[in-house]
């Protein structure tokens, strides 16, 4: 290399050159899907497959889809380097746990409903006769507590605009604005959940045979999709709390979603194993990878954050197991072999115990523009969606995720079964 070239490199910030190259290239991508392009803004291609009921809902809400839908993210605004991505939302702000001081009997919420239906003994509740957009603050607080206790709560036949959905999300926490994800036009923070579109626009290779392979090994089998058991956004300083998915296009049959309880997963463990795990911490990683500024040619690196492996919920005060197969990397304080063995067992406790799970059958509304909402607590759950409809019928929704508290473990807290006075008999343990 000539002296002139060497001096030029020394005087030019290489990381800035790399960043400019990636953000201006049609063939390079960091922090977004490998098939993403420079094109951003409303996508005309989405209009070709937009379900009619979704269109009704968007237009009724005043969403401008005249030039396309959804809004594709601007690659120039997506972080390239790991330190920059890690710093997003790394600030301190006051988080209010809305369910903490709510009426434990939930008289304002239940009193206004026509029916309250529990799907299983401890997981999943359906509220009938209420419109989410009409809830007052007291009812919202009681709903937050109900979600914390029952893991997931459902509302059918909802007339709910994306704007109102975002407003609810910001009430329960700070709604996460995801720079990489397709969004409702003009509404950062309202992510589009639309596998049909992702298959078309991103070339997502999703098939009958491969769609759930990540449930065996999420690192080797990285087919994107909600079919693999997972928890959303665990790598943040303040990970996800309440998440609200509203489906406005639903297959007549298929596309069910299952949730599993982290409270119950913890109580499935032996008391001696609980004591071993209490106080342990683990490393949680992001879904997207970024470049190490000091070694940019070493390949994408995930954001890593350390959180308690067993957490305490601030509203219920109950302990819960905080792991998921796709984004829990390792347990601190044990060997890599021990960590892998323990984590694989904990993943399966969540995934293989049907008595700690609820499966919800979404059903299309007969009212134009209406849909169904699922509101769950990402802290205390994992979820998985069945892709048995294989894209032959439309499935479209919008999601808002509220970020919650900095995770903590209170050694004085109780498990759910302890708090409810339920049996923890171990007479069959050897």
Foldseek 3Di string as FASTA:
>chain_A
DDPVVVVVVVVDQVLVVVLVCQLPDQQHAAQAANNDGQDWAFDAVQVVVDDQLQVLLCVVLVFDQVPHDDTAFHRNPGDFAQVVVQCVVQDDDDFDQLQQPADQVLCVQLVQFPDWAAQADFAEIETHRDEPLPDDSNNLNNVSNVQVRRFKYKYWFYSDHLVSVCVSQVVNFNWDFDRHATAHHPDRQKGKDFVLVCCVRVVQPDDPPQNAPVCVPCVVRVRDDQAHWDFPAPLHLQGFFKKKKWKSFADQDFFKKKKFFQLVLLLVDAPVVNVVLAPWKFKWWDPTFHAHSVHRPPDTDTRIDIARQWFADSRPLAIGGADERNTTDFIPPDDRVVGVVVRVVSNCSRVPDCNRMGIDDFHHDPDRNTTMMMMGTSRTIIMRITCVVVPPGTIMIIMITHGGDRTDHDPPGHRPCVVVVHDSDDPVPD
